[in-house]
Amino acid sequence: MEIRLARSEDYPEIVRLQLQNTPDRLTETERQQGFVVSSMDEQQLAAINQALGIVVAVDGEQLAGFVCMAPSQTQPRHPVVEAMLASFGQQQFNGQPLQQQRVFVYGPVCIGRQWRGQGILQKLLAAVKDHVRGRYELGAAFIDERNPHSLAAHVQGLKMTALAPFSCQQQRYQLVVFSTAA
């Protein structure tokens, strides 16, 4: 398994993997194993990759998973990211307000079905931390409340910290953060 920064030739496979894992393309049983709420195109992926980066897991010739990273000040922003960032004024981590820390946006993240449960998410997170260390103190992500598998993977599995939830367009999301320190 190769963990590396994405290249432009990875974008079609990232789009394909993401589209295979949106709620409208999954059965109820499949949704219980996690889903992504975004649907980015290759142009958006190129902008994300140029701004901060996308880390991919590649198994031979196949994309096994990916995670996106974006500076919190990136514009334009998805409405859920906007709502998450707006909640930072009421949120603290390690005794400091989030607004006073250098925070980047982590996600979306997606692991292909056949590679789940093999430690790829941990390897992607380690690569993310290596990539941003020194530039950012915290990563922040939102997880749809209807996605308890993802919340458990990030909080119990990756030891991220769940802060206060927030809402956007009548949907609730859990804010999770993690330190980029080693």
N, C-alpha and C. Protein backbone atom coordinates (compact mmCIF):
# COMPACT_ATOMS: atom_id res chain seq x y z
N MET A 1 0.86 -1.19 0.00
CA MET A 1 0.00 0.00 0.00
C MET A 1 0.89 1.23 0.00
N GLU A 2 0.69 2.08 -0.97
CA GLU A 2 1.45 3.34 -1.06
C GLU A 2 0.56 4.48 -0.56
N ILE A 3 1.08 5.26 0.37
CA ILE A 3 0.40 6.45 0.88
C ILE A 3 1.21 7.64 0.36
N ARG A 4 0.56 8.54 -0.38
CA ARG A 4 1.27 9.66 -0.99
C ARG A 4 0.30 10.79 -1.28
N LEU A 5 0.87 11.93 -1.68
CA LEU A 5 0.03 13.05 -2.13
C LEU A 5 -0.56 12.71 -3.49
N ALA A 6 -1.77 13.17 -3.71
CA ALA A 6 -2.47 12.89 -4.96
C ALA A 6 -1.80 13.59 -6.13
N ARG A 7 -1.95 12.98 -7.29
CA ARG A 7 -1.51 13.54 -8.56
C ARG A 7 -2.75 13.73 -9.43
N SER A 8 -2.62 14.55 -10.44
CA SER A 8 -3.79 14.83 -11.29
C SER A 8 -4.39 13.56 -11.88
N GLU A 9 -3.56 12.56 -12.15
CA GLU A 9 -4.11 11.32 -12.72
C GLU A 9 -4.94 10.53 -11.70
N ASP A 10 -4.88 10.91 -10.43
CA ASP A 10 -5.71 10.26 -9.40
C ASP A 10 -7.12 10.83 -9.35
N TYR A 11 -7.32 12.03 -9.86
CA TYR A 11 -8.60 12.71 -9.70
C TYR A 11 -9.80 11.90 -10.22
N PRO A 12 -9.74 11.29 -11.42
CA PRO A 12 -10.92 10.52 -11.86
C PRO A 12 -11.28 9.39 -10.89
N GLU A 13 -10.29 8.74 -10.31
CA GLU A 13 -10.56 7.64 -9.36
C GLU A 13 -11.10 8.17 -8.04
N ILE A 14 -10.63 9.35 -7.62
CA ILE A 14 -11.18 9.96 -6.40
C ILE A 14 -12.65 10.29 -6.61
N VAL A 15 -12.97 10.88 -7.77
CA VAL A 15 -14.37 11.20 -8.08
C VAL A 15 -15.20 9.93 -8.08
N ARG A 16 -14.70 8.87 -8.72
CA ARG A 16 -15.43 7.60 -8.80
C ARG A 16 -15.68 7.03 -7.40
N LEU A 17 -14.64 6.98 -6.56
CA LEU A 17 -14.80 6.43 -5.21
C LEU A 17 -15.77 7.25 -4.38
N GLN A 18 -15.67 8.55 -4.49
CA GLN A 18 -16.58 9.42 -3.75
C GLN A 18 -18.02 9.19 -4.20
N LEU A 19 -18.25 9.13 -5.50
CA LEU A 19 -19.62 8.95 -6.00
C LEU A 19 -20.20 7.59 -5.63
N GLN A 20 -19.35 6.58 -5.51
CA GLN A 20 -19.81 5.25 -5.09
C GLN A 20 -20.25 5.24 -3.64
N ASN A 21 -19.89 6.27 -2.88
CA ASN A 21 -20.13 6.28 -1.43
C ASN A 21 -20.98 7.44 -0.96
N THR A 22 -21.78 8.03 -1.85
CA THR A 22 -22.73 9.06 -1.43
C THR A 22 -24.02 8.36 -0.99
N PRO A 23 -24.74 8.93 -0.03
CA PRO A 23 -25.92 8.26 0.53
C PRO A 23 -26.94 7.81 -0.51
N ASP A 24 -27.14 8.61 -1.56
CA ASP A 24 -28.15 8.26 -2.55
C ASP A 24 -27.76 7.05 -3.41
N ARG A 25 -26.50 6.64 -3.37
CA ARG A 25 -26.04 5.49 -4.16
C ARG A 25 -25.86 4.23 -3.31
N LEU A 26 -26.16 4.34 -2.02
CA LEU A 26 -25.95 3.23 -1.10
C LEU A 26 -27.28 2.70 -0.56
N THR A 27 -27.31 1.41 -0.27
CA THR A 27 -28.47 0.84 0.42
C THR A 27 -28.39 1.27 1.88
N GLU A 28 -29.46 1.05 2.61
CA GLU A 28 -29.46 1.38 4.04
C GLU A 28 -28.36 0.64 4.77
N THR A 29 -28.17 -0.62 4.46
CA THR A 29 -27.11 -1.41 5.09
C THR A 29 -25.74 -0.85 4.75
N GLU A 30 -25.52 -0.48 3.50
CA GLU A 30 -24.23 0.09 3.09
C GLU A 30 -23.98 1.44 3.76
N ARG A 31 -25.04 2.26 3.92
CA ARG A 31 -24.89 3.55 4.60
C ARG A 31 -24.43 3.38 6.03
N GLN A 32 -24.79 2.28 6.67
CA GLN A 32 -24.37 2.03 8.04
C GLN A 32 -22.85 1.83 8.15
N GLN A 33 -22.19 1.56 7.03
CA GLN A 33 -20.73 1.40 7.02
C GLN A 33 -20.02 2.71 6.69
N GLY A 34 -20.78 3.80 6.59
CA GLY A 34 -20.21 5.12 6.34
C GLY A 34 -20.51 5.61 4.94
N PHE A 35 -20.47 6.92 4.78
CA PHE A 35 -20.72 7.56 3.50
C PHE A 35 -20.07 8.93 3.48
N VAL A 36 -19.98 9.51 2.29
CA VAL A 36 -19.47 10.88 2.16
C VAL A 36 -20.63 11.77 1.69
N VAL A 37 -20.63 13.00 2.16
CA VAL A 37 -21.71 13.91 1.78
C VAL A 37 -21.30 14.87 0.67
N SER A 38 -20.05 14.81 0.26
CA SER A 38 -19.58 15.72 -0.78
C SER A 38 -19.61 15.05 -2.14
N SER A 39 -19.61 15.87 -3.16
CA SER A 39 -19.47 15.36 -4.52
C SER A 39 -18.65 16.39 -5.29
N MET A 40 -17.34 16.22 -5.22
CA MET A 40 -16.42 17.16 -5.86
C MET A 40 -16.05 16.66 -7.25
N ASP A 41 -15.83 17.62 -8.14
CA ASP A 41 -15.38 17.25 -9.48
C ASP A 41 -13.86 17.41 -9.56
N GLU A 42 -13.30 17.06 -10.71
CA GLU A 42 -11.84 17.08 -10.86
C GLU A 42 -11.26 18.48 -10.69
N GLN A 43 -11.98 19.50 -11.12
CA GLN A 43 -11.51 20.88 -10.97
C GLN A 43 -11.44 21.27 -9.50
N GLN A 44 -12.45 20.89 -8.72
CA GLN A 44 -12.44 21.18 -7.29
C GLN A 44 -11.32 20.41 -6.59
N LEU A 45 -11.11 19.16 -7.00
CA LEU A 45 -10.02 18.38 -6.42
C LEU A 45 -8.67 19.01 -6.72
N ALA A 46 -8.50 19.50 -7.93
CA ALA A 46 -7.23 20.16 -8.29
C ALA A 46 -7.01 21.39 -7.41
N ALA A 47 -8.05 22.16 -7.16
CA ALA A 47 -7.93 23.36 -6.32
C ALA A 47 -7.58 22.97 -4.88
N ILE A 48 -8.22 21.93 -4.36
CA ILE A 48 -7.92 21.45 -3.00
C ILE A 48 -6.49 20.97 -2.92
N ASN A 49 -6.08 20.19 -3.91
CA ASN A 49 -4.74 19.63 -3.90
C ASN A 49 -3.68 20.73 -3.98
N GLN A 50 -3.96 21.76 -4.74
CA GLN A 50 -3.02 22.87 -4.86
C GLN A 50 -2.99 23.71 -3.59
N ALA A 51 -4.16 23.88 -2.93
CA ALA A 51 -4.24 24.73 -1.75
C ALA A 51 -3.54 24.11 -0.53
N LEU A 52 -3.79 22.85 -0.25
CA LEU A 52 -3.14 22.19 0.89
C LEU A 52 -2.79 20.74 0.56
N GLY A 53 -3.72 20.01 -0.02
CA GLY A 53 -3.37 18.68 -0.46
C GLY A 53 -4.46 17.64 -0.30
N ILE A 54 -4.25 16.55 -1.00
CA ILE A 54 -5.06 15.34 -0.90
C ILE A 54 -4.08 14.20 -0.72
N VAL A 55 -4.31 13.37 0.28
CA VAL A 55 -3.48 12.19 0.50
C VAL A 55 -4.27 10.99 0.00
N VAL A 56 -3.60 10.14 -0.74
CA VAL A 56 -4.26 8.94 -1.29
C VAL A 56 -3.55 7.69 -0.80
N ALA A 57 -4.31 6.60 -0.75
CA ALA A 57 -3.78 5.26 -0.51
C ALA A 57 -3.99 4.49 -1.81
N VAL A 58 -2.90 3.97 -2.35
CA VAL A 58 -2.96 3.27 -3.63
C VAL A 58 -2.46 1.85 -3.42
N ASP A 59 -3.27 0.90 -3.86
CA ASP A 59 -2.95 -0.52 -3.76
C ASP A 59 -2.73 -1.03 -5.18
N GLY A 60 -1.46 -1.17 -5.56
CA GLY A 60 -1.16 -1.54 -6.94
C GLY A 60 -1.56 -0.40 -7.86
N GLU A 61 -2.54 -0.67 -8.71
CA GLU A 61 -3.06 0.37 -9.62
C GLU A 61 -4.39 0.93 -9.15
N GLN A 62 -4.87 0.47 -7.99
CA GLN A 62 -6.20 0.87 -7.54
C GLN A 62 -6.15 1.87 -6.39
N LEU A 63 -7.04 2.85 -6.46
CA LEU A 63 -7.18 3.82 -5.38
C LEU A 63 -7.96 3.15 -4.25
N ALA A 64 -7.34 3.02 -3.09
CA ALA A 64 -7.99 2.40 -1.93
C ALA A 64 -8.70 3.42 -1.06
N GLY A 65 -8.22 4.66 -1.06
CA GLY A 65 -8.83 5.68 -0.23
C GLY A 65 -8.18 7.03 -0.44
N PHE A 66 -8.81 8.05 0.12
CA PHE A 66 -8.28 9.42 0.03
C PHE A 66 -8.79 10.25 1.19
N VAL A 67 -8.07 11.32 1.46
CA VAL A 67 -8.52 12.34 2.41
C VAL A 67 -8.06 13.69 1.87
N CYS A 68 -8.96 14.67 1.94
CA CYS A 68 -8.67 16.03 1.49
C CYS A 68 -8.33 16.91 2.68
N MET A 69 -7.51 17.92 2.41
CA MET A 69 -7.14 18.92 3.42
C MET A 69 -7.25 20.29 2.77
N ALA A 70 -7.82 21.24 3.50
CA ALA A 70 -7.98 22.59 2.95
C ALA A 70 -7.72 23.63 4.04
N PRO A 71 -7.06 24.72 3.68
CA PRO A 71 -6.94 25.82 4.64
C PRO A 71 -8.33 26.31 5.04
N SER A 72 -8.51 26.66 6.30
CA SER A 72 -9.85 27.09 6.75
C SER A 72 -10.30 28.38 6.09
N GLN A 73 -9.37 29.17 5.55
CA GLN A 73 -9.76 30.42 4.92
C GLN A 73 -10.08 30.27 3.43
N THR A 74 -10.01 29.06 2.90
CA THR A 74 -10.30 28.82 1.48
C THR A 74 -11.69 29.31 1.12
N GLN A 75 -11.79 29.98 -0.01
CA GLN A 75 -13.07 30.43 -0.56
C GLN A 75 -13.19 29.92 -1.99
N PRO A 76 -14.37 29.64 -2.51
CA PRO A 76 -15.64 29.57 -1.78
C PRO A 76 -15.65 28.32 -0.88
N ARG A 77 -16.54 28.35 0.10
CA ARG A 77 -16.65 27.23 1.03
C ARG A 77 -18.03 26.59 0.92
N HIS A 78 -18.04 25.29 1.14
CA HIS A 78 -19.30 24.54 1.20
C HIS A 78 -20.10 25.09 2.40
N PRO A 79 -21.43 25.17 2.31
CA PRO A 79 -22.23 25.70 3.43
C PRO A 79 -21.98 24.99 4.76
N VAL A 80 -21.74 23.67 4.74
CA VAL A 80 -21.49 22.96 5.99
C VAL A 80 -20.15 23.38 6.58
N VAL A 81 -19.14 23.58 5.74
CA VAL A 81 -17.84 24.06 6.23
C VAL A 81 -18.01 25.46 6.81
N GLU A 82 -18.78 26.29 6.14
CA GLU A 82 -19.05 27.64 6.64
C GLU A 82 -19.69 27.59 8.02
N ALA A 83 -20.68 26.72 8.19
CA ALA A 83 -21.36 26.59 9.49
C ALA A 83 -20.40 26.03 10.55
N MET A 84 -19.55 25.08 10.16
CA MET A 84 -18.58 24.53 11.10
C MET A 84 -17.63 25.62 11.57
N LEU A 85 -17.09 26.39 10.64
CA LEU A 85 -16.16 27.45 11.00
C LEU A 85 -16.84 28.53 11.85
N ALA A 86 -18.10 28.81 11.56
CA ALA A 86 -18.85 29.79 12.35
C ALA A 86 -19.02 29.32 13.79
N SER A 87 -19.03 28.00 14.01
CA SER A 87 -19.19 27.46 15.37
C SER A 87 -17.91 27.56 16.19
N PHE A 88 -16.78 27.87 15.56
CA PHE A 88 -15.49 27.91 16.26
C PHE A 88 -15.48 28.91 17.41
N GLY A 89 -16.27 29.98 17.32
CA GLY A 89 -16.31 30.99 18.38
C GLY A 89 -16.78 30.43 19.71
N GLN A 90 -17.56 29.36 19.68
CA GLN A 90 -18.08 28.74 20.90
C GLN A 90 -17.35 27.44 21.25
N GLN A 91 -16.28 27.12 20.54
CA GLN A 91 -15.60 25.83 20.72
C GLN A 91 -14.19 26.03 21.28
N GLN A 92 -13.77 25.09 22.12
CA GLN A 92 -12.40 25.11 22.66
C GLN A 92 -11.79 23.73 22.54
N PHE A 93 -10.46 23.71 22.41
CA PHE A 93 -9.71 22.46 22.42
C PHE A 93 -8.43 22.72 23.21
N ASN A 94 -8.13 21.86 24.16
CA ASN A 94 -6.97 22.02 25.06
C ASN A 94 -6.97 23.39 25.75
N GLY A 95 -8.17 23.85 26.13
CA GLY A 95 -8.29 25.09 26.88
C GLY A 95 -8.17 26.37 26.07
N GLN A 96 -8.06 26.25 24.75
CA GLN A 96 -7.94 27.44 23.90
C GLN A 96 -9.09 27.49 22.90
N PRO A 97 -9.65 28.69 22.67
CA PRO A 97 -10.68 28.81 21.64
C PRO A 97 -10.13 28.38 20.27
N LEU A 98 -10.96 27.70 19.50
CA LEU A 98 -10.52 27.26 18.16
C LEU A 98 -10.12 28.45 17.29
N GLN A 99 -10.80 29.57 17.48
CA GLN A 99 -10.49 30.75 16.67
C GLN A 99 -9.06 31.25 16.89
N GLN A 100 -8.45 30.89 18.00
CA GLN A 100 -7.09 31.35 18.30
C GLN A 100 -6.03 30.31 17.92
N GLN A 101 -6.46 29.26 17.23
CA GLN A 101 -5.52 28.22 16.83
C GLN A 101 -5.47 28.14 15.30
N ARG A 102 -4.36 27.64 14.80
CA ARG A 102 -4.22 27.45 13.35
C ARG A 102 -4.88 26.12 12.99
N VAL A 103 -6.02 26.23 12.31
CA VAL A 103 -6.86 25.07 12.02
C VAL A 103 -7.03 24.90 10.52
N PHE A 104 -6.90 23.65 10.06
CA PHE A 104 -7.22 23.34 8.66
C PHE A 104 -8.44 22.41 8.65
N VAL A 105 -9.09 22.32 7.51
CA VAL A 105 -10.27 21.47 7.34
C VAL A 105 -9.80 20.11 6.82
N TYR A 106 -10.15 19.07 7.56
CA TYR A 106 -9.84 17.68 7.23
C TYR A 106 -11.09 17.05 6.63
N GLY A 107 -10.96 16.48 5.45
CA GLY A 107 -12.09 15.78 4.85
C GLY A 107 -12.55 16.46 3.57
N PRO A 108 -13.32 15.71 2.81
CA PRO A 108 -13.83 14.39 3.12
C PRO A 108 -12.75 13.32 3.06
N VAL A 109 -13.09 12.20 3.67
CA VAL A 109 -12.22 11.02 3.66
C VAL A 109 -13.09 9.83 3.25
N CYS A 110 -12.52 8.96 2.45
CA CYS A 110 -13.27 7.79 2.01
C CYS A 110 -12.30 6.63 1.77
N ILE A 111 -12.67 5.46 2.25
CA ILE A 111 -11.91 4.23 2.03
C ILE A 111 -12.81 3.30 1.23
N GLY A 112 -12.28 2.73 0.16
CA GLY A 112 -13.05 1.78 -0.63
C GLY A 112 -13.48 0.58 0.20
N ARG A 113 -14.64 0.03 -0.12
CA ARG A 113 -15.21 -1.06 0.68
C ARG A 113 -14.24 -2.21 0.92
N GLN A 114 -13.56 -2.64 -0.13
CA GLN A 114 -12.70 -3.82 -0.01
C GLN A 114 -11.45 -3.57 0.83
N TRP A 115 -11.16 -2.31 1.16
CA TRP A 115 -9.97 -1.98 1.95
C TRP A 115 -10.30 -1.55 3.37
N ARG A 116 -11.56 -1.51 3.72
CA ARG A 116 -11.93 -1.07 5.06
C ARG A 116 -11.48 -2.08 6.11
N GLY A 117 -11.13 -1.56 7.29
CA GLY A 117 -10.72 -2.42 8.38
C GLY A 117 -9.28 -2.90 8.28
N GLN A 118 -8.49 -2.29 7.40
CA GLN A 118 -7.10 -2.72 7.20
C GLN A 118 -6.08 -1.67 7.66
N GLY A 119 -6.54 -0.67 8.42
CA GLY A 119 -5.62 0.33 8.96
C GLY A 119 -5.27 1.46 8.00
N ILE A 120 -5.95 1.55 6.89
CA ILE A 120 -5.64 2.59 5.90
C ILE A 120 -5.99 3.97 6.44
N LEU A 121 -7.09 4.09 7.16
CA LEU A 121 -7.48 5.39 7.70
C LEU A 121 -6.39 5.93 8.64
N GLN A 122 -5.82 5.06 9.47
CA GLN A 122 -4.74 5.48 10.37
C GLN A 122 -3.52 5.94 9.58
N LYS A 123 -3.19 5.22 8.50
CA LYS A 123 -2.04 5.60 7.67
C LYS A 123 -2.29 6.93 6.96
N LEU A 124 -3.51 7.14 6.50
CA LEU A 124 -3.83 8.42 5.87
C LEU A 124 -3.70 9.56 6.87
N LEU A 125 -4.22 9.36 8.09
CA LEU A 125 -4.14 10.42 9.10
C LEU A 125 -2.69 10.72 9.45
N ALA A 126 -1.87 9.70 9.59
CA ALA A 126 -0.44 9.92 9.89
C ALA A 126 0.20 10.75 8.79
N ALA A 127 -0.12 10.46 7.53
CA ALA A 127 0.43 11.23 6.41
C ALA A 127 -0.08 12.67 6.41
N VAL A 128 -1.35 12.85 6.76
CA VAL A 128 -1.93 14.20 6.87
C VAL A 128 -1.16 15.00 7.92
N LYS A 129 -0.97 14.40 9.10
CA LYS A 129 -0.26 15.10 10.18
C LYS A 129 1.16 15.46 9.75
N ASP A 130 1.85 14.55 9.09
CA ASP A 130 3.21 14.83 8.61
C ASP A 130 3.20 15.99 7.62
N HIS A 131 2.18 16.02 6.77
CA HIS A 131 2.10 17.04 5.72
C HIS A 131 1.85 18.44 6.27
N VAL A 132 1.05 18.56 7.33
CA VAL A 132 0.64 19.88 7.83
C VAL A 132 1.41 20.34 9.06
N ARG A 133 2.15 19.44 9.68
CA ARG A 133 2.85 19.76 10.93
C ARG A 133 3.72 21.01 10.74
N GLY A 134 3.66 21.90 11.70
CA GLY A 134 4.42 23.15 11.63
C GLY A 134 3.63 24.29 11.02
N ARG A 135 2.65 23.97 10.19
CA ARG A 135 1.80 25.00 9.58
C ARG A 135 0.47 25.14 10.29
N TYR A 136 -0.03 24.02 10.82
CA TYR A 136 -1.34 24.00 11.49
C TYR A 136 -1.20 23.26 12.81
N GLU A 137 -1.99 23.72 13.80
CA GLU A 137 -2.01 23.06 15.11
C GLU A 137 -3.09 22.00 15.19
N LEU A 138 -4.20 22.24 14.48
CA LEU A 138 -5.36 21.35 14.56
C LEU A 138 -5.96 21.08 13.20
N GLY A 139 -6.50 19.88 13.08
CA GLY A 139 -7.38 19.54 11.97
C GLY A 139 -8.80 19.51 12.50
N ALA A 140 -9.76 19.95 11.70
CA ALA A 140 -11.17 19.94 12.10
C ALA A 140 -11.99 19.32 10.99
N ALA A 141 -12.95 18.50 11.38
CA ALA A 141 -13.83 17.84 10.42
C ALA A 141 -15.25 17.87 10.93
N PHE A 142 -16.18 17.72 10.01
CA PHE A 142 -17.58 17.56 10.39
C PHE A 142 -18.05 16.18 9.96
N ILE A 143 -18.88 15.59 10.79
CA ILE A 143 -19.43 14.28 10.48
C ILE A 143 -20.94 14.34 10.64
N ASP A 144 -21.64 13.98 9.58
CA ASP A 144 -23.10 13.96 9.57
C ASP A 144 -23.59 13.06 10.70
N GLU A 145 -24.57 13.54 11.47
CA GLU A 145 -25.07 12.73 12.60
C GLU A 145 -25.68 11.42 12.14
N ARG A 146 -26.05 11.32 10.88
CA ARG A 146 -26.60 10.08 10.35
C ARG A 146 -25.51 9.08 9.97
N ASN A 147 -24.24 9.42 10.30
CA ASN A 147 -23.10 8.59 9.92
C ASN A 147 -22.32 8.14 11.17
N PRO A 148 -22.96 7.36 12.06
CA PRO A 148 -22.29 6.96 13.29
C PRO A 148 -21.04 6.12 13.06
N HIS A 149 -20.97 5.40 11.96
CA HIS A 149 -19.77 4.60 11.66
C HIS A 149 -18.56 5.51 11.51
N SER A 150 -18.72 6.60 10.76
CA SER A 150 -17.62 7.53 10.56
C SER A 150 -17.24 8.20 11.88
N LEU A 151 -18.23 8.57 12.67
CA LEU A 151 -17.94 9.20 13.97
C LEU A 151 -17.14 8.24 14.85
N ALA A 152 -17.54 6.99 14.91
CA ALA A 152 -16.81 6.00 15.72
C ALA A 152 -15.40 5.79 15.18
N ALA A 153 -15.25 5.73 13.85
CA ALA A 153 -13.93 5.52 13.26
C ALA A 153 -12.99 6.67 13.63
N HIS A 154 -13.51 7.89 13.65
CA HIS A 154 -12.67 9.05 13.93
C HIS A 154 -12.45 9.28 15.43
N VAL A 155 -13.47 9.09 16.24
CA VAL A 155 -13.34 9.37 17.68
C VAL A 155 -12.74 8.17 18.42
N GLN A 156 -13.36 7.00 18.28
CA GLN A 156 -12.81 5.83 18.97
C GLN A 156 -11.56 5.30 18.25
N GLY A 157 -11.62 5.19 16.94
CA GLY A 157 -10.52 4.60 16.19
C GLY A 157 -9.29 5.48 16.08
N LEU A 158 -9.48 6.75 15.72
CA LEU A 158 -8.35 7.66 15.51
C LEU A 158 -8.08 8.57 16.70
N LYS A 159 -8.92 8.47 17.72
CA LYS A 159 -8.75 9.26 18.95
C LYS A 159 -8.90 10.76 18.72
N MET A 160 -9.75 11.14 17.75
CA MET A 160 -10.08 12.55 17.58
C MET A 160 -11.02 12.96 18.71
N THR A 161 -11.13 14.25 18.95
CA THR A 161 -11.97 14.77 20.03
C THR A 161 -13.26 15.34 19.45
N ALA A 162 -14.39 14.83 19.94
CA ALA A 162 -15.69 15.37 19.54
C ALA A 162 -15.98 16.61 20.37
N LEU A 163 -16.26 17.71 19.70
CA LEU A 163 -16.65 18.94 20.39
C LEU A 163 -18.16 19.10 20.23
N ALA A 164 -18.68 20.29 20.37
CA ALA A 164 -20.12 20.50 20.30
C ALA A 164 -20.62 20.35 18.85
N PRO A 165 -21.78 19.72 18.69
CA PRO A 165 -22.34 19.62 17.34
C PRO A 165 -22.85 20.99 16.86
N PHE A 166 -23.09 21.08 15.57
CA PHE A 166 -23.64 22.29 14.97
C PHE A 166 -24.63 21.87 13.90
N SER A 167 -25.39 22.83 13.40
CA SER A 167 -26.41 22.54 12.39
C SER A 167 -26.17 23.37 11.14
N CYS A 168 -26.63 22.82 10.03
CA CYS A 168 -26.62 23.52 8.75
C CYS A 168 -27.78 22.97 7.93
N GLN A 169 -28.64 23.86 7.49
CA GLN A 169 -29.77 23.50 6.64
C GLN A 169 -30.57 22.34 7.24
N GLN A 170 -30.95 22.47 8.48
CA GLN A 170 -31.75 21.51 9.24
C GLN A 170 -31.11 20.13 9.40
N GLN A 171 -29.81 20.05 9.23
CA GLN A 171 -29.09 18.80 9.47
C GLN A 171 -28.04 19.05 10.53
N ARG A 172 -27.84 18.06 11.43
CA ARG A 172 -26.86 18.21 12.51
C ARG A 172 -25.58 17.49 12.14
N TYR A 173 -24.48 18.10 12.57
CA TYR A 173 -23.14 17.57 12.31
C TYR A 173 -22.34 17.60 13.60
N GLN A 174 -21.46 16.64 13.74
CA GLN A 174 -20.55 16.60 14.88
C GLN A 174 -19.22 17.20 14.44
N LEU A 175 -18.72 18.14 15.22
CA LEU A 175 -17.39 18.70 14.99
C LEU A 175 -16.38 17.82 15.72
N VAL A 176 -15.36 17.36 14.99
CA VAL A 176 -14.28 16.61 15.61
C VAL A 176 -12.96 17.31 15.24
N VAL A 177 -12.02 17.29 16.19
CA VAL A 177 -10.72 17.94 15.97
C VAL A 177 -9.61 17.00 16.44
N PHE A 178 -8.41 17.27 15.94
CA PHE A 178 -7.25 16.51 16.35
C PHE A 178 -6.01 17.39 16.25
N SER A 179 -5.08 17.11 17.12
CA SER A 179 -3.81 17.84 17.13
C SER A 179 -2.91 17.28 16.04
N THR A 180 -2.14 18.18 15.42
CA THR A 180 -1.20 17.73 14.39
C THR A 180 0.15 17.36 14.99
N ALA A 181 0.30 17.52 16.30
CA ALA A 181 1.55 17.15 16.96
C ALA A 181 1.77 15.63 16.84
N ALA A 182 3.01 15.23 16.87
CA ALA A 182 3.34 13.81 16.70
C ALA A 182 2.79 12.91 17.76
